[in-house]
Amino acid sequence: MKKWMAGLTVVGLLGTMIPMQIDAAGTGAKKLPTLDTKTKKAYIKGKFDSKGKALFYFDTKTYLTGGTHLKFVADDTEAVTVYESQSYYKRQLVYGRYDQITDQSLVFPLSWSGRQYIEIEGKKNTSFVVPFKLERLQPLRESLGQSGTVAKSRSLVVKMTGTSSQKQQLSEKTAAVKHETIDADLGLVKFTYRTVMQALAAKQQLAKASGVAYVELDSQMHGLGGDVFKSYQWSLNNTGQRGGVKGADINFNAMQKRIAGKKQSTVLVAVVDTGINPTYADFAGRVRMDLGYDFVNRRQMAIDDHGHGSHVAGIIAANSNNTYGMSGINAKASIIPIKVLGEDNYGLNSDIAKGILHGVKKGAKVINVSIGGAFSSRAIEDALAYAKKKGVLVVVASGNEGQNKLSYPARSQYAFSVGSTNRFDKRSSFSNYGKGLDLVAPGQDIPSYLSDGVSAFWSGTSMAAPHVVGVASLLYSLKPTIKASEVEAILKKSAQDLGVKGYDSSYGYGRLDADKAVRLLK
């Protein structure tokens, strides 16, 4: 801490020697001292109360023009916690990344609008000094795992053709400890057993029973991995940054110019994933939590506890030109968050099927499924067929194993499958390809939000699919009466041909081109 403080200028020290005595309503918090205009540094100085605490606040808008993060430096006698709002402070709700950081730096992203609170803890009735600084940082670089499946499930998904009484009889006959309806219209139910072995035995028994169209293990899949961060969004505007190929992007800027002044309608887009953190400034007015659902925890609020869903949603619909974080592709997309993956980024086939059906029934025009596994699911296939029948476009990530076979559900006949390209307009090495691939889009080193306010670069076909969803939803915004089949045709026809001339299994019909897609809209 002493080394850090040595960097403060005399002007900075004099300008922030005494904390400002301005209380935030209802908390007794004091306002953070003003930063030095040249160094963007200052320090919080005060005395702990009889409980060993001191509380301060700041307003995000104060700092947005100068940086992206505030860095607080705590020594080994202090613990610093930052709360995203007064409500969170009063309820003592805090993200783990910002909770009681001691003897190191706490780096807090300016992702939220409004007022944030900093609580400093130490020895009661003693003085403290905590330096802080405004910095402009790049999004973090984190990696996503491959798609895949995990241990066998204790549950079965059964498609019934018989009566509801037969469902009860079969549940009892096979000694299920629980049964539930996935979708009554499709005849999908779920039976759960005490052990995997009991589930496997019941599977054999049910496969022979009358009134059963099919039965399958309820296996798991997982997620495929003037705004301040807009310069890092090479997928929207590739200027050759970091050695990339200039123009190897989705032609976003030209598209924006083309649609300027045109009437656009709001379009519902379902993101079937880990949920969304709707509290960010970039998501203000863009998330329909009232239409979403959490099928993992069986509750209304589909809150993201992993980061995958928020990252996907940001690519599609983050607010643009608001000085926060990043730019989404469609300013008129309204996100329906549907949580089917848990905090480990894995989810059951039955929940994924329910999530797709929920999106259709809540009025989504486009559904993003950045999820995949090695094995097919007839329950998910039925859900996808239902979506197709109802005229809903389901866009699915192709998978991250780099193999000549699409993961499932990308290889479903009812899915619009998307692979990943890099900043050189080449297929990403991890991107699955092969029969059934429809399109490719940027999916490598893509910045967006995680679940706790941090922005990060992630790579995966999970990041490619929402680029296509963003453009597809934009076509619906410009022409609400357009059909899903017409959207598919435009996306394919407008794509920038890569690889072998014409359609090929490495690039499908080519790389997404937003401007040309809009140009083809009639």
Protein backbone atom coordinates (compact mmCIF):
# COMPACT_ATOMS: atom_id res chain seq x y z
CA MET A 1 0.00 0.00 0.00
CA LYS A 2 2.84 2.42 0.80
CA LYS A 3 4.30 1.98 -2.68
CA TRP A 4 0.89 2.70 -4.22
CA MET A 5 0.41 5.83 -2.09
CA ALA A 6 3.81 7.14 -3.12
CA GLY A 7 2.43 7.58 -6.61
CA LEU A 8 -0.16 10.12 -5.42
CA THR A 9 0.66 13.71 -6.31
CA VAL A 10 0.80 16.51 -3.77
CA VAL A 11 -2.25 18.05 -5.44
CA GLY A 12 -4.10 14.77 -5.09
CA LEU A 13 -3.23 14.49 -1.40
CA LEU A 14 -4.24 18.04 -0.59
CA GLY A 15 -7.44 17.73 -2.57
CA THR A 16 -8.62 14.65 -0.68
CA MET A 17 -7.19 15.04 2.81
CA ILE A 18 -10.60 15.34 4.52
CA PRO A 19 -13.50 13.06 3.53
CA MET A 20 -16.55 14.98 2.36
CA GLN A 21 -19.36 14.96 4.94
CA ILE A 22 -22.24 14.23 2.58
CA ASP A 23 -24.55 11.46 3.80
CA ALA A 24 -26.45 9.09 1.50
CA ALA A 25 -30.07 8.92 2.60
CA GLY A 26 -30.78 6.27 5.20
CA THR A 27 -27.25 4.86 5.44
CA GLY A 28 -25.00 7.49 7.00
CA ALA A 29 -22.56 6.89 4.16
CA LYS A 30 -20.07 9.56 3.15
CA LYS A 31 -19.28 10.42 -0.44
CA LEU A 32 -15.97 9.21 -1.87
CA PRO A 33 -13.38 11.97 -2.14
CA THR A 34 -12.73 13.57 -5.51
CA LEU A 35 -10.04 12.04 -7.71
CA ASP A 36 -7.03 14.01 -8.83
CA THR A 37 -7.76 15.06 -12.42
CA LYS A 38 -4.31 14.08 -13.71
CA THR A 39 -3.49 10.87 -11.86
CA LYS A 40 -7.10 9.69 -11.35
CA LYS A 41 -6.03 8.73 -7.82
CA ALA A 42 -7.21 9.63 -4.32
CA TYR A 43 -7.59 8.00 -0.94
CA ILE A 44 -10.36 7.37 1.53
CA LYS A 45 -9.38 8.58 4.97
CA GLY A 46 -11.34 8.26 8.18
CA LYS A 47 -11.89 6.49 11.49
CA PHE A 48 -13.69 3.22 12.12
CA ASP A 49 -16.76 3.45 14.33
CA SER A 50 -17.38 1.46 17.52
CA LYS A 51 -18.25 -1.58 15.38
CA GLY A 52 -15.08 -1.28 13.30
CA LYS A 53 -16.86 -0.10 10.16
CA ALA A 54 -16.97 2.90 7.81
CA LEU A 55 -19.34 3.38 4.87
CA PHE A 56 -18.91 5.43 1.69
CA TYR A 57 -20.76 5.77 -1.61
CA PHE A 58 -20.18 6.88 -5.19
CA ASP A 59 -22.27 7.48 -8.31
CA THR A 60 -21.09 5.56 -11.38
CA LYS A 61 -21.79 8.40 -13.80
CA THR A 62 -19.09 10.44 -12.04
CA TYR A 63 -16.38 8.16 -13.45
CA LEU A 64 -17.63 6.80 -16.78
CA THR A 65 -15.82 9.27 -19.02
CA GLY A 66 -12.47 8.49 -17.42
CA GLY A 67 -12.39 4.74 -16.94
CA THR A 68 -14.09 1.37 -16.61
CA HIS A 69 -13.12 0.20 -13.09
CA LEU A 70 -12.38 1.56 -9.62
CA LYS A 71 -9.47 -0.11 -7.82
CA PHE A 72 -9.44 -0.03 -4.01
CA VAL A 73 -6.21 -1.11 -2.27
CA ALA A 74 -6.68 -2.66 1.18
CA ASP A 75 -3.83 -3.62 3.51
CA ASP A 76 -3.84 -6.58 5.90
CA THR A 77 -5.65 -4.60 8.62
CA GLU A 78 -8.62 -3.67 6.42
CA ALA A 79 -11.38 -5.49 4.55
CA VAL A 80 -13.17 -3.73 1.68
CA THR A 81 -16.60 -4.72 0.33
CA VAL A 82 -18.46 -3.04 -2.54
CA TYR A 83 -22.24 -3.32 -2.94
CA GLU A 84 -23.93 -2.63 -6.27
CA SER A 85 -26.82 -0.64 -4.74
CA GLN A 86 -28.27 0.71 -1.50
CA SER A 87 -30.81 -2.11 -1.54
CA TYR A 88 -28.04 -4.71 -1.74
CA TYR A 89 -26.15 -2.99 1.08
CA LYS A 90 -29.18 -2.97 3.38
CA ARG A 91 -29.80 -6.65 2.66
CA GLN A 92 -26.06 -7.44 2.85
CA LEU A 93 -26.10 -9.01 -0.61
CA VAL A 94 -22.75 -8.94 -2.36
CA TYR A 95 -20.96 -10.74 -5.20
CA GLY A 96 -18.10 -12.94 -4.00
CA ARG A 97 -15.59 -11.13 -6.18
CA TYR A 98 -16.15 -7.91 -4.19
CA ASP A 99 -16.69 -9.29 -0.68
CA GLN A 100 -14.30 -8.46 2.20
CA ILE A 101 -11.13 -8.16 0.15
CA THR A 102 -8.07 -7.73 2.35
CA ASP A 103 -4.33 -7.30 1.75
CA GLN A 104 -4.88 -6.88 -2.00
CA SER A 105 -6.73 -4.80 -4.58
CA LEU A 106 -10.49 -4.93 -5.10
CA VAL A 107 -11.26 -4.05 -8.73
CA PHE A 108 -14.88 -3.02 -9.20
CA PRO A 109 -16.42 -2.68 -12.70
CA LEU A 110 -18.60 0.34 -13.48
CA SER A 111 -21.35 -1.86 -14.91
CA TRP A 112 -24.26 -0.55 -12.85
CA SER A 113 -26.02 2.80 -13.03
CA GLY A 114 -26.98 4.70 -9.90
CA ARG A 115 -25.18 4.58 -6.56
CA GLN A 116 -22.78 1.97 -5.17
CA TYR A 117 -21.58 1.51 -1.57
CA ILE A 118 -18.15 0.71 -0.15
CA GLU A 119 -17.87 -0.70 3.35
CA ILE A 120 -14.45 -0.73 5.00
CA GLU A 121 -13.90 -2.86 8.12
CA GLY A 122 -11.02 -2.83 10.60
CA LYS A 123 -10.11 -2.32 14.24
CA LYS A 124 -12.80 -0.25 15.95
CA ASN A 125 -12.10 3.41 16.75
CA THR A 126 -8.83 3.45 14.78
CA SER A 127 -7.87 5.52 11.74
CA PHE A 128 -7.55 4.08 8.24
CA VAL A 129 -6.39 5.08 4.78
CA VAL A 130 -7.54 3.23 1.65
CA PRO A 131 -6.11 4.45 -1.68
CA PHE A 132 -8.27 4.11 -4.78
CA LYS A 133 -7.84 4.81 -8.45
CA LEU A 134 -9.91 5.02 -11.64
CA GLU A 135 -8.56 2.71 -14.35
CA ARG A 136 -9.45 1.77 -17.90
CA LEU A 137 -9.11 -2.01 -18.18
CA GLN A 138 -9.75 -4.56 -20.90
CA PRO A 139 -12.33 -7.29 -20.34
CA LEU A 140 -10.91 -10.34 -18.57
CA ARG A 141 -9.70 -13.30 -20.60
CA GLU A 142 -11.35 -16.49 -19.41
CA SER A 143 -11.92 -19.83 -21.10
CA LEU A 144 -15.01 -21.97 -21.62
CA GLY A 145 -15.05 -25.75 -21.58
CA GLN A 146 -16.11 -28.06 -24.35
CA SER A 147 -19.58 -29.47 -24.73
CA GLY A 148 -20.20 -32.90 -23.36
CA THR A 149 -22.22 -35.16 -21.12
CA VAL A 150 -21.69 -36.24 -17.53
CA ALA A 151 -22.68 -39.14 -15.30
CA LYS A 152 -25.88 -41.05 -16.03
CA SER A 153 -29.06 -39.66 -14.57
CA ARG A 154 -31.49 -41.14 -12.05
CA SER A 155 -34.36 -39.72 -14.12
CA LEU A 156 -36.11 -40.77 -17.32
CA VAL A 157 -37.98 -38.70 -19.89
CA VAL A 158 -41.00 -40.58 -21.21
CA LYS A 159 -43.28 -39.68 -24.12
CA MET A 160 -46.75 -40.99 -23.33
CA THR A 161 -49.48 -41.78 -25.82
CA GLY A 162 -51.84 -43.17 -23.20
CA THR A 163 -54.00 -41.60 -20.49
CA SER A 164 -52.97 -39.67 -17.39
CA SER A 165 -54.05 -42.63 -15.26
CA GLN A 166 -51.62 -44.80 -17.21
CA LYS A 167 -48.83 -42.37 -16.32
CA GLN A 168 -49.62 -42.89 -12.65
CA GLN A 169 -49.76 -46.66 -13.09
CA LEU A 170 -46.39 -46.81 -14.88
CA SER A 171 -44.83 -44.56 -12.28
CA GLU A 172 -45.95 -46.90 -9.51
CA LYS A 173 -45.14 -50.07 -11.45
CA THR A 174 -41.54 -48.99 -12.04
CA ALA A 175 -41.16 -47.72 -8.44
CA ALA A 176 -40.50 -44.09 -9.38
CA VAL A 177 -40.07 -41.87 -6.32
CA LYS A 178 -41.32 -38.84 -8.23
CA HIS A 179 -43.08 -38.04 -11.49
CA GLU A 180 -43.78 -34.69 -13.13
CA THR A 181 -45.21 -33.37 -16.37
CA ILE A 182 -42.77 -31.70 -18.76
CA ASP A 183 -45.39 -30.74 -21.34
CA ALA A 184 -48.95 -32.08 -21.38
CA ASP A 185 -49.58 -31.23 -25.05
CA LEU A 186 -46.56 -33.23 -26.17
CA GLY A 187 -47.18 -36.03 -23.66
CA LEU A 188 -43.74 -35.60 -22.07
CA VAL A 189 -43.29 -36.71 -18.45
CA LYS A 190 -40.33 -37.28 -16.16
CA PHE A 191 -39.88 -40.23 -13.77
CA THR A 192 -37.19 -40.07 -11.07
CA TYR A 193 -35.72 -43.10 -9.24
CA ARG A 194 -33.54 -43.64 -6.18
CA THR A 195 -30.49 -44.90 -8.07
CA VAL A 196 -29.04 -44.96 -11.58
CA MET A 197 -29.43 -48.74 -11.68
CA GLN A 198 -33.14 -48.48 -10.85
CA ALA A 199 -33.55 -45.88 -13.60
CA LEU A 200 -31.82 -48.15 -16.14
CA ALA A 201 -34.03 -51.09 -15.16
CA ALA A 202 -37.15 -48.93 -15.41
CA LYS A 203 -36.02 -47.72 -18.83
CA GLN A 204 -36.02 -51.28 -20.16
CA GLN A 205 -39.43 -51.94 -18.62
CA LEU A 206 -41.02 -48.75 -19.95
CA ALA A 207 -39.63 -49.29 -23.45
CA LYS A 208 -41.84 -52.40 -23.70
CA ALA A 209 -44.96 -50.85 -22.15
CA SER A 210 -48.00 -49.93 -24.23
CA GLY A 211 -48.82 -46.24 -24.33
CA VAL A 212 -45.12 -45.27 -24.37
CA ALA A 213 -43.75 -43.76 -27.58
CA TYR A 214 -40.17 -43.58 -26.27
CA VAL A 215 -38.12 -43.40 -23.09
CA GLU A 216 -34.64 -41.95 -22.58
CA LEU A 217 -32.27 -41.09 -19.76
CA ASP A 218 -32.55 -37.47 -18.66
CA SER A 219 -28.89 -36.77 -19.42
CA GLN A 220 -27.06 -33.47 -19.07
CA MET A 221 -25.60 -30.96 -21.53
CA HIS A 222 -23.78 -27.72 -20.86
CA GLY A 223 -23.16 -24.26 -22.21
CA LEU A 224 -20.76 -24.02 -25.13
CA GLY A 225 -18.82 -21.64 -24.24
CA GLY A 226 -19.43 5.53 -27.47
CA ASP A 227 -19.36 2.45 -25.19
CA VAL A 228 -16.10 1.89 -23.35
CA PHE A 229 -15.54 -1.69 -24.54
CA LYS A 230 -16.83 -1.18 -28.08
CA SER A 231 -13.28 -0.84 -29.43
CA TYR A 232 -12.68 -4.45 -28.33
CA GLN A 233 -15.75 -5.71 -30.20
CA TRP A 234 -13.89 -6.74 -33.34
CA SER A 235 -16.86 -8.87 -34.36
CA LEU A 236 -18.82 -5.65 -34.97
CA ASN A 237 -16.01 -3.61 -36.48
CA ASN A 238 -12.74 -5.36 -37.33
CA THR A 239 -10.16 -2.66 -38.01
CA GLY A 240 -7.29 -5.15 -37.90
CA GLN A 241 -6.87 -4.78 -34.13
CA ARG A 242 -4.64 -7.44 -32.53
CA GLY A 243 -3.42 -8.47 -35.99
CA GLY A 244 -6.85 -9.41 -37.35
CA VAL A 245 -8.05 -9.04 -40.93
CA LYS A 246 -9.74 -5.71 -41.55
CA GLY A 247 -13.39 -6.22 -42.44
CA ALA A 248 -13.61 -9.76 -41.02
CA ASP A 249 -16.70 -8.80 -39.02
CA ILE A 250 -20.49 -8.87 -39.33
CA ASN A 251 -20.61 -5.46 -41.07
CA PHE A 252 -22.37 -3.92 -38.06
CA ASN A 253 -21.52 -0.24 -38.67
CA ALA A 254 -22.81 -0.30 -42.25
CA MET A 255 -25.98 -2.01 -41.03
CA GLN A 256 -26.55 0.69 -38.42
CA LYS A 257 -26.28 3.40 -41.05
CA ARG A 258 -28.68 1.52 -43.32
CA ILE A 259 -31.43 1.19 -40.69
CA ALA A 260 -31.01 4.69 -39.21
CA GLY A 261 -34.40 6.39 -39.14
CA LYS A 262 -36.32 3.24 -40.04
CA LYS A 263 -39.24 2.15 -37.90
CA GLN A 264 -38.42 -0.80 -35.66
CA SER A 265 -40.66 -2.86 -33.40
CA THR A 266 -39.65 -4.60 -30.19
CA VAL A 267 -39.10 -8.33 -30.69
CA LEU A 268 -38.97 -11.00 -27.99
CA VAL A 269 -35.85 -13.17 -27.94
CA ALA A 270 -35.53 -16.13 -25.56
CA VAL A 271 -32.11 -17.04 -24.19
CA VAL A 272 -32.21 -20.63 -22.95
CA ASP A 273 -29.12 -20.74 -20.76
CA THR A 274 -27.94 -20.00 -17.19
CA GLY A 275 -30.25 -17.01 -16.71
CA ILE A 276 -29.36 -13.30 -16.81
CA ASN A 277 -28.25 -10.64 -14.37
CA PRO A 278 -30.76 -7.90 -15.27
CA THR A 279 -29.30 -5.23 -12.98
CA TYR A 280 -26.60 -3.86 -15.32
CA ALA A 281 -27.01 -0.44 -16.88
CA ASP A 282 -26.54 -2.05 -20.30
CA PHE A 283 -29.57 -4.29 -19.67
CA ALA A 284 -31.90 -1.51 -18.49
CA GLY A 285 -35.27 -1.96 -20.19
CA ARG A 286 -34.00 -4.92 -22.20
CA VAL A 287 -34.87 -7.95 -20.04
CA ARG A 288 -38.37 -9.38 -19.48
CA MET A 289 -37.92 -11.13 -16.15
CA ASP A 290 -41.72 -11.37 -15.91
CA LEU A 291 -41.78 -13.70 -18.93
CA GLY A 292 -38.78 -15.80 -17.94
CA TYR A 293 -38.48 -18.83 -15.69
CA ASP A 294 -35.84 -20.75 -13.74
CA PHE A 295 -36.35 -24.47 -14.43
CA VAL A 296 -33.32 -25.41 -12.33
CA ASN A 297 -34.58 -23.91 -9.06
CA ARG A 298 -38.28 -23.91 -10.00
CA ARG A 299 -38.92 -20.19 -9.56
CA GLN A 300 -39.93 -17.15 -11.58
CA MET A 301 -36.70 -15.15 -11.46
CA ALA A 302 -34.14 -16.61 -13.88
CA ILE A 303 -31.05 -15.12 -12.21
CA ASP A 304 -27.64 -15.97 -13.64
CA ASP A 305 -25.28 -17.68 -11.17
CA HIS A 306 -22.65 -18.69 -13.74
CA GLY A 307 -22.15 -15.93 -16.34
CA HIS A 308 -22.79 -17.82 -19.57
CA GLY A 309 -26.34 -16.53 -20.08
CA SER A 310 -25.46 -12.90 -19.33
CA HIS A 311 -22.55 -13.09 -21.78
CA VAL A 312 -24.83 -14.42 -24.52
CA ALA A 313 -27.57 -11.85 -23.80
CA GLY A 314 -25.10 -8.94 -23.89
CA ILE A 315 -24.00 -9.86 -27.41
CA ILE A 316 -27.62 -9.81 -28.58
CA ALA A 317 -29.12 -6.85 -26.79
CA ALA A 318 -26.84 -4.69 -24.60
CA ASN A 319 -27.85 -1.04 -24.79
CA SER A 320 -25.71 0.98 -27.19
CA ASN A 321 -24.20 4.46 -27.00
CA ASN A 322 -24.95 4.93 -23.29
CA THR A 323 -21.25 5.20 -22.25
CA TYR A 324 -21.46 1.87 -20.39
CA GLY A 325 -19.69 -1.37 -21.33
CA MET A 326 -20.55 -2.54 -24.81
CA SER A 327 -22.98 -2.51 -27.74
CA GLY A 328 -25.51 -5.21 -28.46
CA ILE A 329 -26.56 -6.01 -32.03
CA ASN A 330 -30.30 -5.30 -31.85
CA ALA A 331 -31.50 -2.22 -29.98
CA LYS A 332 -35.07 -3.53 -30.15
CA ALA A 333 -34.47 -7.03 -28.81
CA SER A 334 -36.23 -7.78 -25.53
CA ILE A 335 -34.71 -10.78 -23.75
CA ILE A 336 -36.75 -13.55 -22.11
CA PRO A 337 -34.30 -15.23 -19.69
CA ILE A 338 -34.90 -18.97 -19.32
CA LYS A 339 -32.61 -20.76 -16.90
CA VAL A 340 -32.00 -24.44 -17.70
CA LEU A 341 -28.32 -24.65 -16.69
CA GLY A 342 -27.09 -24.52 -13.09
CA GLU A 343 -24.16 -22.69 -11.57
CA ASP A 344 -21.87 -25.42 -12.97
CA ASN A 345 -23.15 -24.63 -16.51
CA TYR A 346 -24.79 -28.07 -16.83
CA GLY A 347 -28.47 -28.83 -17.30
CA LEU A 348 -30.86 -31.74 -17.78
CA ASN A 349 -32.34 -32.55 -21.17
CA SER A 350 -35.84 -32.32 -19.67
CA ASP A 351 -35.20 -28.77 -18.45
CA ILE A 352 -33.72 -27.76 -21.81
CA ALA A 353 -36.82 -29.11 -23.56
CA LYS A 354 -39.05 -27.23 -21.11
CA GLY A 355 -37.02 -24.07 -21.66
CA ILE A 356 -37.48 -24.18 -25.43
CA LEU A 357 -41.22 -24.81 -25.05
CA HIS A 358 -41.49 -21.96 -22.54
CA GLY A 359 -39.83 -19.54 -24.95
CA VAL A 360 -42.26 -20.48 -27.72
CA LYS A 361 -45.31 -20.15 -25.49
CA LYS A 362 -44.19 -16.74 -24.17
CA GLY A 363 -44.03 -15.31 -27.68
CA ALA A 364 -40.34 -15.40 -28.59
CA LYS A 365 -39.65 -15.01 -32.31
CA VAL A 366 -36.07 -16.26 -31.97
CA ILE A 367 -34.55 -18.59 -29.37
CA ASN A 368 -30.82 -18.79 -28.60
CA VAL A 369 -29.56 -22.21 -27.46
CA SER A 370 -25.81 -22.04 -26.80
CA ILE A 371 -25.89 -25.54 -25.31
CA GLY A 372 -24.70 -28.90 -26.55
CA GLY A 373 -23.81 -32.50 -25.85
CA ALA A 374 -22.67 -35.63 -27.61
CA PHE A 375 -25.95 -37.55 -27.51
CA SER A 376 -29.33 -36.72 -29.00
CA SER A 377 -32.51 -36.30 -26.98
CA ARG A 378 -35.93 -37.14 -28.38
CA ALA A 379 -37.55 -34.85 -25.79
CA ILE A 380 -35.50 -31.88 -27.00
CA GLU A 381 -36.21 -32.95 -30.59
CA ASP A 382 -39.95 -32.81 -29.87
CA ALA A 383 -39.53 -29.34 -28.35
CA LEU A 384 -37.59 -28.13 -31.39
CA ALA A 385 -40.20 -29.59 -33.74
CA TYR A 386 -42.89 -27.76 -31.78
CA ALA A 387 -40.97 -24.49 -32.12
CA LYS A 388 -40.61 -25.04 -35.87
CA LYS A 389 -44.33 -25.77 -36.18
CA LYS A 390 -45.12 -22.51 -34.37
CA GLY A 391 -42.84 -20.49 -36.66
CA VAL A 392 -40.08 -19.82 -34.12
CA LEU A 393 -36.44 -19.76 -35.24
CA VAL A 394 -34.15 -21.72 -32.88
CA VAL A 395 -30.46 -20.88 -33.30
CA VAL A 396 -28.03 -23.42 -31.80
CA ALA A 397 -24.26 -23.37 -31.26
CA SER A 398 -22.45 -26.10 -33.22
CA GLY A 399 -20.16 -27.32 -30.40
CA ASN A 400 -16.59 -26.80 -29.22
CA GLU A 401 -14.71 -30.05 -29.87
CA GLY A 402 -13.27 -29.02 -33.24
CA GLN A 403 -14.63 -32.21 -34.76
CA ASN A 404 -16.32 -33.06 -38.05
CA LYS A 405 -19.71 -33.56 -36.43
CA LEU A 406 -22.11 -31.07 -34.91
CA SER A 407 -23.04 -31.48 -31.27
CA TYR A 408 -26.66 -31.94 -30.31
CA PRO A 409 -29.07 -30.13 -30.61
CA ALA A 410 -27.15 -28.25 -33.35
CA ARG A 411 -27.46 -31.28 -35.64
CA SER A 412 -31.24 -31.42 -35.23
CA GLN A 413 -33.16 -30.94 -38.47
CA TYR A 414 -35.18 -28.25 -36.68
CA ALA A 415 -32.20 -26.16 -35.55
CA PHE A 416 -30.35 -23.34 -37.31
CA SER A 417 -26.76 -24.28 -36.46
CA VAL A 418 -23.89 -21.80 -36.10
CA GLY A 419 -20.14 -22.35 -35.96
CA SER A 420 -17.41 -19.90 -34.90
CA THR A 421 -14.89 -17.80 -36.81
CA ASN A 422 -11.92 -15.80 -35.54
CA ARG A 423 -10.73 -12.27 -36.30
CA PHE A 424 -8.93 -13.62 -39.41
CA ASP A 425 -12.20 -14.85 -40.99
CA LYS A 426 -11.14 -18.46 -40.46
CA ARG A 427 -13.07 -21.19 -38.72
CA SER A 428 -12.05 -21.32 -35.06
CA SER A 429 -10.01 -24.42 -34.28
CA PHE A 430 -12.48 -25.46 -31.57
CA SER A 431 -15.60 -25.01 -33.72
CA ASN A 432 -17.47 -28.16 -34.72
CA TYR A 433 -18.32 -28.41 -38.41
CA GLY A 434 -19.85 -30.95 -40.77
CA LYS A 435 -23.20 -32.01 -42.15
CA GLY A 436 -26.02 -29.64 -41.22
CA LEU A 437 -23.92 -26.56 -40.43
CA ASP A 438 -25.88 -23.51 -41.58
CA LEU A 439 -23.72 -20.47 -40.87
CA VAL A 440 -20.61 -19.23 -39.08
CA ALA A 441 -20.19 -16.03 -37.07
CA PRO A 442 -17.52 -14.43 -34.86
CA GLY A 443 -17.09 -16.47 -31.68
CA GLN A 444 -13.48 -16.06 -30.58
CA ASP A 445 -12.30 -13.40 -28.10
CA ILE A 446 -15.77 -11.89 -27.77
CA PRO A 447 -16.29 -9.42 -24.88
CA SER A 448 -19.50 -9.35 -22.87
CA TYR A 449 -20.80 -9.47 -19.29
CA LEU A 450 -20.53 -12.21 -16.68
CA SER A 451 -22.93 -12.72 -13.78
CA ASP A 452 -21.19 -10.36 -11.32
CA GLY A 453 -20.67 -7.23 -13.40
CA VAL A 454 -17.27 -8.14 -14.79
CA SER A 455 -16.73 -8.02 -18.56
CA ALA A 456 -14.70 -10.84 -20.08
CA PHE A 457 -13.46 -12.15 -23.41
CA TRP A 458 -14.91 -15.59 -24.00
CA SER A 459 -14.47 -17.92 -26.95
CA GLY A 460 -16.88 -20.58 -28.12
CA THR A 461 -19.66 -21.33 -30.55
CA SER A 462 -21.82 -20.09 -27.65
CA MET A 463 -20.63 -16.60 -28.57
CA ALA A 464 -21.17 -17.10 -32.32
CA ALA A 465 -24.84 -18.13 -32.07
CA PRO A 466 -26.03 -14.88 -30.39
CA HIS A 467 -24.50 -12.83 -33.21
CA VAL A 468 -26.86 -14.64 -35.58
CA VAL A 469 -29.75 -14.29 -33.12
CA GLY A 470 -29.10 -10.55 -32.89
CA VAL A 471 -29.31 -10.11 -36.67
CA ALA A 472 -32.27 -12.49 -37.03
CA SER A 473 -34.19 -10.56 -34.37
CA LEU A 474 -33.27 -7.33 -36.14
CA LEU A 475 -35.00 -8.60 -39.29
CA TYR A 476 -38.12 -9.25 -37.20
CA SER A 477 -37.83 -5.75 -35.72
CA LEU A 478 -37.79 -4.20 -39.18
CA LYS A 479 -40.50 -6.49 -40.59
CA PRO A 480 -42.67 -8.04 -37.83
CA THR A 481 -44.67 -10.11 -40.34
CA ILE A 482 -41.63 -11.95 -41.71
CA LYS A 483 -41.65 -15.75 -41.39
CA ALA A 484 -38.92 -17.83 -39.80
CA SER A 485 -38.27 -19.60 -43.11
CA GLU A 486 -37.74 -16.21 -44.78
CA VAL A 487 -35.31 -15.14 -42.05
CA GLU A 488 -33.33 -18.35 -42.52
CA ALA A 489 -33.22 -17.82 -46.29
CA ILE A 490 -32.00 -14.22 -45.93
CA LEU A 491 -29.29 -15.17 -43.42
CA LYS A 492 -27.98 -17.86 -45.77
CA LYS A 493 -28.20 -15.79 -48.95
CA SER A 494 -26.57 -12.72 -47.37
CA ALA A 495 -23.66 -14.59 -45.74
CA GLN A 496 -20.10 -13.82 -46.83
CA ASP A 497 -18.85 -16.93 -48.63
CA LEU A 498 -15.74 -18.43 -47.03
CA GLY A 499 -13.74 -21.57 -47.77
CA VAL A 500 -14.76 -23.57 -50.83
CA LYS A 501 -17.01 -21.58 -53.15
CA GLY A 502 -20.65 -22.07 -52.30
CA TYR A 503 -21.93 -24.17 -49.42
CA ASP A 504 -19.38 -26.30 -47.60
CA SER A 505 -19.37 -28.22 -44.33
CA SER A 506 -16.65 -26.04 -42.74
CA TYR A 507 -18.38 -22.67 -43.09
CA GLY A 508 -21.94 -23.59 -44.07
CA TYR A 509 -23.36 -20.84 -46.26
CA GLY A 510 -20.71 -18.44 -44.99
CA ARG A 511 -20.02 -15.82 -42.32
CA LEU A 512 -22.86 -13.67 -41.01
CA ASP A 513 -23.25 -10.27 -42.76
CA ALA A 514 -25.72 -8.00 -40.94
CA ASP A 515 -25.73 -5.20 -43.51
CA LYS A 516 -26.36 -7.45 -46.49
CA ALA A 517 -29.10 -9.27 -44.56
CA VAL A 518 -30.91 -5.99 -43.94
CA ARG A 519 -30.38 -5.00 -47.57
CA LEU A 520 -32.12 -8.18 -48.76
CA LEU A 521 -35.14 -7.54 -46.57
CA LYS A 522 -38.18 -6.68 -48.70
